PDB file of all heavy atoms in Angstrom:
ATOM      1  N   LEU A   1      32.778  27.649   4.132  1.00  0.00           N
ATOM      2  CA  LEU A   1      33.208  26.698   5.159  1.00  0.00           C
ATOM      3  C   LEU A   1      32.572  27.039   6.500  1.00  0.00           C
ATOM      4  O   LEU A   1      32.109  26.148   7.221  1.00  0.00           O
ATOM      5  CB  LEU A   1      34.735  26.710   5.270  1.00  0.00           C
ATOM      6  CG  LEU A   1      35.342  25.817   6.354  1.00  0.00           C
ATOM      7  CD1 LEU A   1      35.020  24.352   6.067  1.00  0.00           C
ATOM      8  CD2 LEU A   1      36.829  26.026   6.443  1.00  0.00           C
ATOM      9  N   THR A   2      32.522  28.324   6.823  1.00  0.00           N
ATOM     10  CA  THR A   2      31.904  28.739   8.087  1.00  0.00           C
ATOM     11  C   THR A   2      30.432  28.363   8.102  1.00  0.00           C
ATOM     12  O   THR A   2      29.931  27.832   9.105  1.00  0.00           O
ATOM     13  CB  THR A   2      32.070  30.258   8.271  1.00  0.00           C
ATOM     14  OG1 THR A   2      33.461  30.580   8.232  1.00  0.00           O
ATOM     15  CG2 THR A   2      31.481  30.726   9.586  1.00  0.00           C
ATOM     16  N   ARG A   3      29.731  28.618   6.990  1.00  0.00           N
ATOM     17  CA  ARG A   3      28.311  28.248   6.925  1.00  0.00           C
ATOM     18  C   ARG A   3      28.124  26.741   7.046  1.00  0.00           C
ATOM     19  O   ARG A   3      27.213  26.268   7.724  1.00  0.00           O
ATOM     20  CB  ARG A   3      27.700  28.758   5.620  1.00  0.00           C
ATOM     21  CG  ARG A   3      27.292  30.209   5.700  1.00  0.00           C
ATOM     22  CD  ARG A   3      26.485  30.634   4.469  1.00  0.00           C
ATOM     23  NE  ARG A   3      27.310  31.633   3.803  1.00  0.00           N
ATOM     24  CZ  ARG A   3      27.659  31.631   2.538  1.00  0.00           C
ATOM     25  NH1 ARG A   3      27.233  30.694   1.741  1.00  0.00           N
ATOM     26  NH2 ARG A   3      28.416  32.570   2.030  1.00  0.00           N
ATOM     27  N   ALA A   4      29.003  25.990   6.391  1.00  0.00           N
ATOM     28  CA  ALA A   4      28.901  24.526   6.460  1.00  0.00           C
ATOM     29  C   ALA A   4      29.153  24.029   7.882  1.00  0.00           C
ATOM     30  O   ALA A   4      28.455  23.142   8.376  1.00  0.00           O
ATOM     31  CB  ALA A   4      29.888  23.884   5.494  1.00  0.00           C
ATOM     32  N   GLN A   5      30.142  24.623   8.555  1.00  0.00           N
ATOM     33  CA  GLN A   5      30.419  24.223   9.940  1.00  0.00           C
ATOM     34  C   GLN A   5      29.239  24.565  10.839  1.00  0.00           C
ATOM     35  O   GLN A   5      28.865  23.775  11.712  1.00  0.00           O
ATOM     36  CB  GLN A   5      31.686  24.918  10.440  1.00  0.00           C
ATOM     37  CG  GLN A   5      32.959  24.341   9.873  1.00  0.00           C
ATOM     38  CD  GLN A   5      34.192  25.128  10.280  1.00  0.00           C
ATOM     39  OE1 GLN A   5      34.106  26.294  10.656  1.00  0.00           O
ATOM     40  NE2 GLN A   5      35.344  24.481  10.208  1.00  0.00           N
ATOM     41  N   GLU A   6      28.636  25.736  10.628  1.00  0.00           N
ATOM     42  CA  GLU A   6      27.469  26.102  11.435  1.00  0.00           C
ATOM     43  C   GLU A   6      26.315  25.138  11.177  1.00  0.00           C
ATOM     44  O   GLU A   6      25.605  24.756  12.113  1.00  0.00           O
ATOM     45  CB  GLU A   6      27.051  27.533  11.109  1.00  0.00           C
ATOM     46  CG  GLU A   6      28.011  28.583  11.641  1.00  0.00           C
ATOM     47  CD  GLU A   6      27.689  29.987  11.147  1.00  0.00           C
ATOM     48  OE1 GLU A   6      26.765  30.136  10.310  1.00  0.00           O
ATOM     49  OE2 GLU A   6      28.367  30.926  11.596  1.00  0.00           O
ATOM     50  N   ALA A   7      26.150  24.734   9.924  1.00  0.00           N
ATOM     51  CA  ALA A   7      25.089  23.776   9.605  1.00  0.00           C
ATOM     52  C   ALA A   7      25.359  22.427  10.270  1.00  0.00           C
ATOM     53  O   ALA A   7      24.439  21.781  10.790  1.00  0.00           O
ATOM     54  CB  ALA A   7      24.970  23.614   8.089  1.00  0.00           C
ATOM     55  N   VAL A   8      26.618  22.015  10.279  1.00  0.00           N
ATOM     56  CA  VAL A   8      26.981  20.746  10.934  1.00  0.00           C
ATOM     57  C   VAL A   8      26.728  20.846  12.432  1.00  0.00           C
ATOM     58  O   VAL A   8      26.178  19.920  13.043  1.00  0.00           O
ATOM     59  CB  VAL A   8      28.453  20.381  10.627  1.00  0.00           C
ATOM     60  CG1 VAL A   8      28.947  19.277  11.538  1.00  0.00           C
ATOM     61  CG2 VAL A   8      28.598  19.963   9.181  1.00  0.00           C
ATOM     62  N   TRP A   9      27.115  21.975  13.019  1.00  0.00           N
ATOM     63  CA  TRP A   9      26.884  22.139  14.462  1.00  0.00           C
ATOM     64  C   TRP A   9      25.393  22.144  14.778  1.00  0.00           C
ATOM     65  O   TRP A   9      24.950  21.548  15.756  1.00  0.00           O
ATOM     66  CB  TRP A   9      27.535  23.408  14.969  1.00  0.00           C
ATOM     67  CG  TRP A   9      29.030  23.397  14.933  1.00  0.00           C
ATOM     68  CD1 TRP A   9      29.852  22.305  15.043  1.00  0.00           C
ATOM     69  CD2 TRP A   9      29.899  24.516  14.759  1.00  0.00           C
ATOM     70  NE1 TRP A   9      31.164  22.674  14.952  1.00  0.00           N
ATOM     71  CE2 TRP A   9      31.232  24.032  14.771  1.00  0.00           C
ATOM     72  CE3 TRP A   9      29.700  25.871  14.583  1.00  0.00           C
ATOM     73  CZ2 TRP A   9      32.334  24.867  14.638  1.00  0.00           C
ATOM     74  CZ3 TRP A   9      30.795  26.695  14.454  1.00  0.00           C
ATOM     75  CH2 TRP A   9      32.092  26.196  14.477  1.00  0.00           C
ATOM     76  N   ALA A  10      24.616  22.812  13.927  1.00  0.00           N
ATOM     77  CA  ALA A  10      23.168  22.832  14.135  1.00  0.00           C
ATOM     78  C   ALA A  10      22.587  21.429  13.978  1.00  0.00           C
ATOM     79  O   ALA A  10      21.707  21.026  14.742  1.00  0.00           O
ATOM     80  CB  ALA A  10      22.509  23.797  13.154  1.00  0.00           C
ATOM     81  N   ALA A  11      23.084  20.687  12.989  1.00  0.00           N
ATOM     82  CA  ALA A  11      22.606  19.316  12.786  1.00  0.00           C
ATOM     83  C   ALA A  11      22.969  18.430  13.974  1.00  0.00           C
ATOM     84  O   ALA A  11      22.175  17.590  14.400  1.00  0.00           O
ATOM     85  CB  ALA A  11      23.169  18.742  11.491  1.00  0.00           C
ATOM     86  N   GLU A  12      24.181  18.625  14.495  1.00  0.00           N
ATOM     87  CA  GLU A  12      24.588  17.846  15.672  1.00  0.00           C
ATOM     88  C   GLU A  12      23.722  18.189  16.868  1.00  0.00           C
ATOM     89  O   GLU A  12      23.323  17.300  17.626  1.00  0.00           O
ATOM     90  CB  GLU A  12      26.059  18.099  15.986  1.00  0.00           C
ATOM     91  CG  GLU A  12      27.017  17.440  15.019  1.00  0.00           C
ATOM     92  CD  GLU A  12      28.475  17.806  15.287  1.00  0.00           C
ATOM     93  OE1 GLU A  12      28.728  18.678  16.140  1.00  0.00           O
ATOM     94  OE2 GLU A  12      29.349  17.217  14.635  1.00  0.00           O
ATOM     95  N   ALA A  13      23.429  19.483  17.032  1.00  0.00           N
ATOM     96  CA  ALA A  13      22.558  19.888  18.141  1.00  0.00           C
ATOM     97  C   ALA A  13      21.160  19.313  17.937  1.00  0.00           C
ATOM     98  O   ALA A  13      20.528  18.835  18.882  1.00  0.00           O
ATOM     99  CB  ALA A  13      22.505  21.408  18.243  1.00  0.00           C
ATOM    100  N   GLY A  14      20.676  19.342  16.679  1.00  0.00           N
ATOM    101  CA  GLY A  14      19.367  18.760  16.381  1.00  0.00           C
ATOM    102  C   GLY A  14      19.353  17.262  16.601  1.00  0.00           C
ATOM    103  O   GLY A  14      18.377  16.705  17.077  1.00  0.00           O
ATOM    104  N   ALA A  15      20.463  16.615  16.240  1.00  0.00           N
ATOM    105  CA  ALA A  15      20.552  15.164  16.446  1.00  0.00           C
ATOM    106  C   ALA A  15      20.548  14.840  17.934  1.00  0.00           C
ATOM    107  O   ALA A  15      19.921  13.871  18.363  1.00  0.00           O
ATOM    108  CB  ALA A  15      21.803  14.604  15.776  1.00  0.00           C
ATOM    109  N   ALA A  16      21.245  15.677  18.719  1.00  0.00           N
ATOM    110  CA  ALA A  16      21.263  15.448  20.165  1.00  0.00           C
ATOM    111  C   ALA A  16      19.857  15.622  20.726  1.00  0.00           C
ATOM    112  O   ALA A  16      19.395  14.819  21.544  1.00  0.00           O
ATOM    113  CB  ALA A  16      22.240  16.408  20.840  1.00  0.00           C
ATOM    114  N   THR A  17      19.158  16.659  20.260  1.00  0.00           N
ATOM    115  CA  THR A  17      17.784  16.877  20.707  1.00  0.00           C
ATOM    116  C   THR A  17      16.892  15.730  20.244  1.00  0.00           C
ATOM    117  O   THR A  17      16.051  15.246  20.999  1.00  0.00           O
ATOM    118  CB  THR A  17      17.257  18.217  20.149  1.00  0.00           C
ATOM    119  OG1 THR A  17      18.140  19.251  20.561  1.00  0.00           O
ATOM    120  CG2 THR A  17      15.861  18.505  20.637  1.00  0.00           C
ATOM    121  N   CYS A  18      17.100  15.290  19.017  1.00  0.00           N
ATOM    122  CA  CYS A  18      16.323  14.170  18.478  1.00  0.00           C
ATOM    123  C   CYS A  18      16.590  12.895  19.279  1.00  0.00           C
ATOM    124  O   CYS A  18      15.664  12.143  19.576  1.00  0.00           O
ATOM    125  CB  CYS A  18      16.669  13.970  17.009  1.00  0.00           C
ATOM    126  SG  CYS A  18      15.668  12.721  16.189  1.00  0.00           S
ATOM    127  N   ASN A  19      17.856  12.666  19.625  1.00  0.00           N
ATOM    128  CA  ASN A  19      18.197  11.485  20.428  1.00  0.00           C
ATOM    129  C   ASN A  19      17.544  11.560  21.797  1.00  0.00           C
ATOM    130  O   ASN A  19      17.039  10.562  22.304  1.00  0.00           O
ATOM    131  CB  ASN A  19      19.713  11.358  20.569  1.00  0.00           C
ATOM    132  CG  ASN A  19      20.374  10.915  19.275  1.00  0.00           C
ATOM    133  OD1 ASN A  19      19.722  10.398  18.386  1.00  0.00           O
ATOM    134  ND2 ASN A  19      21.670  11.133  19.175  1.00  0.00           N
ATOM    135  N   GLN A  20      17.564  12.764  22.397  1.00  0.00           N
ATOM    136  CA  GLN A  20      16.920  12.915  23.703  1.00  0.00           C
ATOM    137  C   GLN A  20      15.418  12.672  23.584  1.00  0.00           C
ATOM    138  O   GLN A  20      14.809  12.029  24.442  1.00  0.00           O
ATOM    139  CB  GLN A  20      17.187  14.315  24.260  1.00  0.00           C
ATOM    140  CG  GLN A  20      18.618  14.538  24.684  1.00  0.00           C
ATOM    141  CD  GLN A  20      18.882  15.971  25.086  1.00  0.00           C
ATOM    142  OE1 GLN A  20      18.049  16.844  24.891  1.00  0.00           O
ATOM    143  NE2 GLN A  20      20.045  16.209  25.656  1.00  0.00           N
ATOM    144  N   THR A  21      14.819  13.184  22.509  1.00  0.00           N
ATOM    145  CA  THR A  21      13.390  12.982  22.298  1.00  0.00           C
ATOM    146  C   THR A  21      13.086  11.502  22.078  1.00  0.00           C
ATOM    147  O   THR A  21      12.108  10.981  22.618  1.00  0.00           O
ATOM    148  CB  THR A  21      12.922  13.811  21.084  1.00  0.00           C
ATOM    149  OG1 THR A  21      13.262  15.173  21.296  1.00  0.00           O
ATOM    150  CG2 THR A  21      11.442  13.677  20.862  1.00  0.00           C
ATOM    151  N   ALA A  22      13.944  10.838  21.300  1.00  0.00           N
ATOM    152  CA  ALA A  22      13.737   9.408  21.045  1.00  0.00           C
ATOM    153  C   ALA A  22      13.837   8.606  22.343  1.00  0.00           C
ATOM    154  O   ALA A  22      13.030   7.708  22.582  1.00  0.00           O
ATOM    155  CB  ALA A  22      14.757   8.900  20.030  1.00  0.00           C
ATOM    156  N   VAL A  23      14.814   8.946  23.175  1.00  0.00           N
ATOM    157  CA  VAL A  23      14.956   8.254  24.463  1.00  0.00           C
ATOM    158  C   VAL A  23      13.728   8.516  25.329  1.00  0.00           C
ATOM    159  O   VAL A  23      13.181   7.603  25.957  1.00  0.00           O
ATOM    160  CB  VAL A  23      16.254   8.697  25.172  1.00  0.00           C
ATOM    161  CG1 VAL A  23      16.275   8.234  26.615  1.00  0.00           C
ATOM    162  CG2 VAL A  23      17.462   8.166  24.424  1.00  0.00           C
ATOM    163  N   GLY A  24      13.271   9.770  25.332  1.00  0.00           N
ATOM    164  CA  GLY A  24      12.064  10.099  26.109  1.00  0.00           C
ATOM    165  C   GLY A  24      10.851   9.348  25.601  1.00  0.00           C
ATOM    166  O   GLY A  24      10.045   8.840  26.389  1.00  0.00           O
ATOM    167  N   LEU A  25      10.715   9.257  24.270  1.00  0.00           N
ATOM    168  CA  LEU A  25       9.585   8.526  23.698  1.00  0.00           C
ATOM    169  C   LEU A  25       9.678   7.029  23.974  1.00  0.00           C
ATOM    170  O   LEU A  25       8.659   6.371  24.228  1.00  0.00           O
ATOM    171  CB  LEU A  25       9.500   8.786  22.194  1.00  0.00           C
ATOM    172  CG  LEU A  25       9.055  10.188  21.784  1.00  0.00           C
ATOM    173  CD1 LEU A  25       9.143  10.350  20.276  1.00  0.00           C
ATOM    174  CD2 LEU A  25       7.648  10.474  22.265  1.00  0.00           C
ATOM    175  N   GLU A  26      10.880   6.486  23.933  1.00  0.00           N
ATOM    176  CA  GLU A  26      11.053   5.064  24.260  1.00  0.00           C
ATOM    177  C   GLU A  26      10.671   4.803  25.716  1.00  0.00           C
ATOM    178  O   GLU A  26      10.005   3.798  26.021  1.00  0.00           O
ATOM    179  CB  GLU A  26      12.491   4.634  24.007  1.00  0.00           C
ATOM    180  CG  GLU A  26      12.842   4.490  22.537  1.00  0.00           C
ATOM    181  CD  GLU A  26      14.307   4.147  22.310  1.00  0.00           C
ATOM    182  OE1 GLU A  26      15.057   4.028  23.304  1.00  0.00           O
ATOM    183  OE2 GLU A  26      14.687   3.988  21.144  1.00  0.00           O
ATOM    184  N   ASN A  27      11.077   5.705  26.612  1.00  0.00           N
ATOM    185  CA  ASN A  27      10.715   5.551  28.022  1.00  0.00           C
ATOM    186  C   ASN A  27       9.204   5.644  28.200  1.00  0.00           C
ATOM    187  O   ASN A  27       8.605   4.858  28.946  1.00  0.00           O
ATOM    188  CB  ASN A  27      11.420   6.598  28.872  1.00  0.00           C
ATOM    189  CG  ASN A  27      12.915   6.359  28.965  1.00  0.00           C
ATOM    190  OD1 ASN A  27      13.397   5.266  28.700  1.00  0.00           O
ATOM    191  ND2 ASN A  27      13.656   7.381  29.325  1.00  0.00           N
ATOM    192  N   ALA A  28       8.576   6.612  27.513  1.00  0.00           N
ATOM    193  CA  ALA A  28       7.124   6.763  27.608  1.00  0.00           C
ATOM    194  C   ALA A  28       6.418   5.530  27.042  1.00  0.00           C
ATOM    195  O   ALA A  28       5.424   5.060  27.602  1.00  0.00           O
ATOM    196  CB  ALA A  28       6.674   8.024  26.873  1.00  0.00           C
ATOM    197  N   LEU A  29       6.934   4.997  25.928  1.00  0.00           N
ATOM    198  CA  LEU A  29       6.350   3.802  25.327  1.00  0.00           C
ATOM    199  C   LEU A  29       6.461   2.604  26.273  1.00  0.00           C
ATOM    200  O   LEU A  29       5.501   1.841  26.431  1.00  0.00           O
ATOM    201  CB  LEU A  29       7.032   3.492  23.990  1.00  0.00           C
ATOM    202  CG  LEU A  29       6.544   2.254  23.252  1.00  0.00           C
ATOM    203  CD1 LEU A  29       5.080   2.414  22.865  1.00  0.00           C
ATOM    204  CD2 LEU A  29       7.408   1.997  22.032  1.00  0.00           C
ATOM    205  N   GLU A  30       7.599   2.454  26.900  1.00  0.00           N
ATOM    206  CA  GLU A  30       7.785   1.354  27.848  1.00  0.00           C
ATOM    207  C   GLU A  30       6.832   1.506  29.034  1.00  0.00           C
ATOM    208  O   GLU A  30       6.253   0.522  29.511  1.00  0.00           O
ATOM    209  CB  GLU A  30       9.245   1.311  28.312  1.00  0.00           C
ATOM    210  CG  GLU A  30       9.596   0.093  29.129  1.00  0.00           C
ATOM    211  CD  GLU A  30       9.370  -1.206  28.374  1.00  0.00           C
ATOM    212  OE1 GLU A  30       9.644  -1.271  27.164  1.00  0.00           O
ATOM    213  OE2 GLU A  30       8.914  -2.174  29.017  1.00  0.00           O
ATOM    214  N   LEU A  31       6.655   2.752  29.501  1.00  0.00           N
ATOM    215  CA  LEU A  31       5.722   3.002  30.596  1.00  0.00           C
ATOM    216  C   LEU A  31       4.294   2.666  30.162  1.00  0.00           C
ATOM    217  O   LEU A  31       3.547   2.037  30.930  1.00  0.00           O
ATOM    218  CB  LEU A  31       5.825   4.471  31.035  1.00  0.00           C
ATOM    219  CG  LEU A  31       4.952   4.899  32.192  1.00  0.00           C
ATOM    220  CD1 LEU A  31       5.352   4.148  33.468  1.00  0.00           C
ATOM    221  CD2 LEU A  31       5.057   6.398  32.409  1.00  0.00           C
ATOM    222  N   GLU A  32       3.924   3.057  28.944  1.00  0.00           N
ATOM    223  CA  GLU A  32       2.589   2.739  28.431  1.00  0.00           C
ATOM    224  C   GLU A  32       2.401   1.225  28.302  1.00  0.00           C
ATOM    225  O   GLU A  32       1.333   0.694  28.589  1.00  0.00           O
ATOM    226  CB  GLU A  32       2.365   3.419  27.074  1.00  0.00           C
ATOM    227  CG  GLU A  32       2.137   4.910  27.148  1.00  0.00           C
ATOM    228  CD  GLU A  32       0.861   5.275  27.863  1.00  0.00           C
ATOM    229  OE1 GLU A  32      -0.153   4.551  27.707  1.00  0.00           O
ATOM    230  OE2 GLU A  32       0.877   6.263  28.609  1.00  0.00           O
ATOM    231  N   ARG A  33       3.444   0.543  27.837  1.00  0.00           N
ATOM    232  CA  ARG A  33       3.352  -0.918  27.732  1.00  0.00           C
ATOM    233  C   ARG A  33       3.144  -1.552  29.105  1.00  0.00           C
ATOM    234  O   ARG A  33       2.342  -2.479  29.259  1.00  0.00           O
ATOM    235  CB  ARG A  33       4.606  -1.475  27.080  1.00  0.00           C
ATOM    236  CG  ARG A  33       4.675  -1.249  25.596  1.00  0.00           C
ATOM    237  CD  ARG A  33       5.943  -1.808  25.015  1.00  0.00           C
ATOM    238  NE  ARG A  33       6.023  -1.553  23.579  1.00  0.00           N
ATOM    239  CZ  ARG A  33       7.111  -1.655  22.876  1.00  0.00           C
ATOM    240  NH1 ARG A  33       8.250  -2.023  23.460  1.00  0.00           N
ATOM    241  NH2 ARG A  33       7.109  -1.399  21.588  1.00  0.00           N
ATOM    242  N   ALA A  34       3.891  -1.048  30.090  1.00  0.00           N
ATOM    243  CA  ALA A  34       3.743  -1.588  31.444  1.00  0.00           C
ATOM    244  C   ALA A  34       2.330  -1.324  31.963  1.00  0.00           C
ATOM    245  O   ALA A  34       1.702  -2.211  32.572  1.00  0.00           O
ATOM    246  CB  ALA A  34       4.788  -0.970  32.372  1.00  0.00           C
ATOM    247  N   GLN A  35       1.819  -0.117  31.711  1.00  0.00           N
ATOM    248  CA  GLN A  35       0.461   0.186  32.148  1.00  0.00           C
ATOM    249  C   GLN A  35      -0.549  -0.682  31.394  1.00  0.00           C
ATOM    250  O   GLN A  35      -1.542  -1.130  31.980  1.00  0.00           O
ATOM    251  CB  GLN A  35       0.143   1.669  31.931  1.00  0.00           C
ATOM    252  CG  GLN A  35       0.870   2.589  32.898  1.00  0.00           C
ATOM    253  CD  GLN A  35       0.598   4.058  32.612  1.00  0.00           C
ATOM    254  OE1 GLN A  35       0.020   4.408  31.602  1.00  0.00           O
ATOM    255  NE2 GLN A  35       1.040   4.911  33.529  1.00  0.00           N
ATOM    256  N   GLY A  36      -0.285  -0.906  30.099  1.00  0.00           N
ATOM    257  CA  GLY A  36      -1.170  -1.786  29.318  1.00  0.00           C
ATOM    258  C   GLY A  36      -1.174  -3.202  29.871  1.00  0.00           C
ATOM    259  O   GLY A  36      -2.225  -3.846  29.938  1.00  0.00           O
ATOM    260  N   ARG A  37       0.005  -3.706  30.272  1.00  0.00           N
ATOM    261  CA  ARG A  37       0.063  -5.056  30.865  1.00  0.00           C
ATOM    262  C   ARG A  37      -0.694  -5.088  32.189  1.00  0.00           C
ATOM    263  O   ARG A  37      -1.399  -6.064  32.486  1.00  0.00           O
ATOM    264  CB  ARG A  37       1.524  -5.464  31.063  1.00  0.00           C
ATOM    265  CG  ARG A  37       2.235  -5.839  29.778  1.00  0.00           C
ATOM    266  CD  ARG A  37       3.591  -6.466  30.036  1.00  0.00           C
ATOM    267  NE  ARG A  37       4.530  -5.537  30.635  1.00  0.00           N
ATOM    268  CZ  ARG A  37       5.415  -4.799  29.970  1.00  0.00           C
ATOM    269  NH1 ARG A  37       5.477  -4.891  28.659  1.00  0.00           N
ATOM    270  NH2 ARG A  37       6.228  -3.982  30.602  1.00  0.00           N
ATOM    271  N   GLN A  38      -0.562  -4.003  32.982  1.00  0.00           N
ATOM    272  CA  GLN A  38      -1.288  -3.956  34.246  1.00  0.00           C
ATOM    273  C   GLN A  38      -2.795  -3.924  33.995  1.00  0.00           C
ATOM    274  O   GLN A  38      -3.569  -4.616  34.683  1.00  0.00           O
ATOM    275  CB  GLN A  38      -0.871  -2.722  35.058  1.00  0.00           C
ATOM    276  CG  GLN A  38       0.522  -2.804  35.644  1.00  0.00           C
ATOM    277  CD  GLN A  38       0.925  -1.505  36.328  1.00  0.00           C
ATOM    278  OE1 GLN A  38       0.247  -0.493  36.218  1.00  0.00           O
ATOM    279  NE2 GLN A  38       2.048  -1.552  37.040  1.00  0.00           N
TER     280      GLN A  38
END
């Protein structure tokens, strides 16, 4: 149970990092699109 909880916590931390990365990539993509339109 302890190992499973640690794995869940690690997955949640990874998901949070993944979400932050996805948000950063979406922002970068939007910036690139704006630059492409310019």
